[in-house]
């Protein structure tokens, strides 16, 4: 299993608007593009910066080729978020590969 993780650092003043954007734009777009995707959104419990809340959007796929699609459209959607929210929405992404032990 592969996970494409995007961590969002969101200014607390726009959290509700950002959640609506995620539920109306980001998540549905990813689900439309990659049919076998599983998308989960988590709040990161560690406080990194006062006045912000961090969220982790994890998109799980089994086909590594799907990561290219996710990566391409993630960049487009993040650009859209920057246009909407500006500096109140900061992100970084990483790709994880499941390691089986034992």
Protein backbone atom coordinates (compact mmCIF):
# COMPACT_ATOMS: atom_id res chain seq x y z
CA UNK A 1 0.00 0.00 0.00
CA UNK A 2 1.13 3.55 -0.77
CA UNK A 3 0.04 6.73 0.98
CA UNK A 4 0.22 10.17 -0.55
CA UNK A 5 0.13 12.46 2.48
CA UNK A 6 -0.44 16.19 2.34
CA UNK A 7 -0.13 18.08 5.59
CA UNK A 8 -2.02 21.36 5.78
CA UNK A 9 -1.20 24.10 8.30
CA UNK A 10 -4.40 26.15 8.48
CA UNK A 11 -4.91 29.51 10.16
CA UNK A 12 -7.63 29.00 12.78
CA UNK A 13 -9.59 31.95 11.31
CA UNK A 14 -10.31 30.00 8.10
CA UNK A 15 -10.60 26.40 9.36
CA UNK A 16 -14.33 26.04 8.63
CA UNK A 17 -14.00 27.53 5.12
CA UNK A 18 -11.01 25.27 4.44
CA UNK A 19 -12.94 22.18 5.61
CA UNK A 20 -15.74 23.09 3.20
CA UNK A 21 -13.18 23.49 0.40
CA UNK A 22 -11.73 20.08 1.23
CA UNK A 23 -15.14 18.37 1.25
CA UNK A 24 -16.41 20.12 -1.89
CA UNK A 25 -13.24 20.31 -4.01
CA UNK A 26 -10.11 18.48 -2.95
CA UNK A 27 -11.46 15.12 -1.74
CA UNK A 28 -14.16 14.67 -4.44
CA UNK A 29 -11.66 15.53 -7.18
CA UNK A 30 -9.18 12.93 -5.93
CA UNK A 31 -11.92 10.31 -5.64
CA UNK A 32 -13.07 11.06 -9.20
CA UNK A 33 -9.54 10.79 -10.60
CA UNK A 34 -8.47 7.60 -8.82
CA UNK A 35 -11.38 5.20 -8.40
CA UNK A 36 -9.60 2.83 -6.00
CA UNK A 37 -8.41 5.58 -3.65
CA UNK A 38 -9.16 5.73 0.05
CA UNK A 39 -9.04 9.27 1.47
CA UNK A 40 -8.86 10.04 5.17
CA UNK A 41 -8.45 13.39 6.91
CA UNK A 42 -6.87 13.67 10.35
CA UNK A 43 -6.19 16.53 12.73
CA UNK A 44 -2.56 16.54 13.80
CA UNK A 45 -2.63 16.66 17.59
CA UNK A 46 0.74 18.35 18.13
CA UNK A 47 0.58 22.15 18.29
CA UNK A 48 3.26 23.43 15.94
CA UNK A 49 2.33 27.11 15.85
CA UNK A 50 -0.18 28.98 17.98
CA UNK A 51 -3.18 30.15 15.95
CA UNK A 52 -2.94 27.31 13.43
CA UNK A 53 -4.28 23.79 13.24
CA UNK A 54 -2.55 21.09 11.23
CA UNK A 55 -4.36 18.42 9.24
CA UNK A 56 -3.07 15.35 7.44
CA UNK A 57 -4.91 14.19 4.31
CA UNK A 58 -3.88 10.62 3.56
CA UNK A 59 -4.73 9.07 0.22
CA UNK A 60 -4.15 5.33 0.11
CA UNK A 61 -3.65 3.42 -3.15
CA UNK A 62 -2.29 0.01 -4.09
CA UNK A 63 -1.08 0.90 -7.59
CA UNK A 64 2.10 3.01 -7.60
CA UNK A 65 1.08 4.53 -10.96
CA UNK A 66 -1.83 6.24 -9.17
CA UNK A 67 0.73 8.28 -7.21
CA UNK A 68 1.66 10.17 -10.40
CA UNK A 69 -1.98 11.17 -10.94
CA UNK A 70 -2.38 12.20 -7.32
CA UNK A 71 0.87 14.18 -7.37
CA UNK A 72 -0.08 16.04 -10.56
CA UNK A 73 -3.57 17.01 -9.44
CA UNK A 74 -2.51 17.66 -5.86
CA UNK A 75 -0.28 20.46 -7.17
CA UNK A 76 -3.18 21.95 -9.15
CA UNK A 77 -5.57 21.78 -6.20
CA UNK A 78 -3.02 23.22 -3.78
CA UNK A 79 -2.51 26.13 -6.20
CA UNK A 80 -6.28 26.63 -6.13
CA UNK A 81 -6.21 26.65 -2.31
CA UNK A 82 -3.41 29.22 -2.32
CA UNK A 83 -5.53 31.43 -4.57
CA UNK A 84 -8.47 31.08 -2.20
CA UNK A 85 -6.74 31.19 1.19
CA UNK A 86 -3.32 32.73 0.51
CA UNK A 87 -0.74 32.39 3.27
CA UNK A 88 -3.39 31.12 5.69
CA UNK A 89 -3.04 27.66 4.10
CA UNK A 90 0.46 26.17 3.99
CA UNK A 91 1.19 22.61 2.81
CA UNK A 92 3.79 19.96 2.26
CA UNK A 93 3.41 16.49 0.80
CA UNK A 94 5.19 13.15 1.12
CA UNK A 95 4.78 9.68 -0.33
CA UNK A 96 4.87 6.68 1.97
CA UNK A 97 5.31 3.01 1.15
CA UNK A 98 3.99 0.44 3.62
CA UNK A 99 6.72 -1.68 5.20
CA UNK A 100 5.62 -5.10 6.35
CA UNK A 101 7.47 -6.53 9.32
CA UNK A 102 7.13 -9.76 11.20
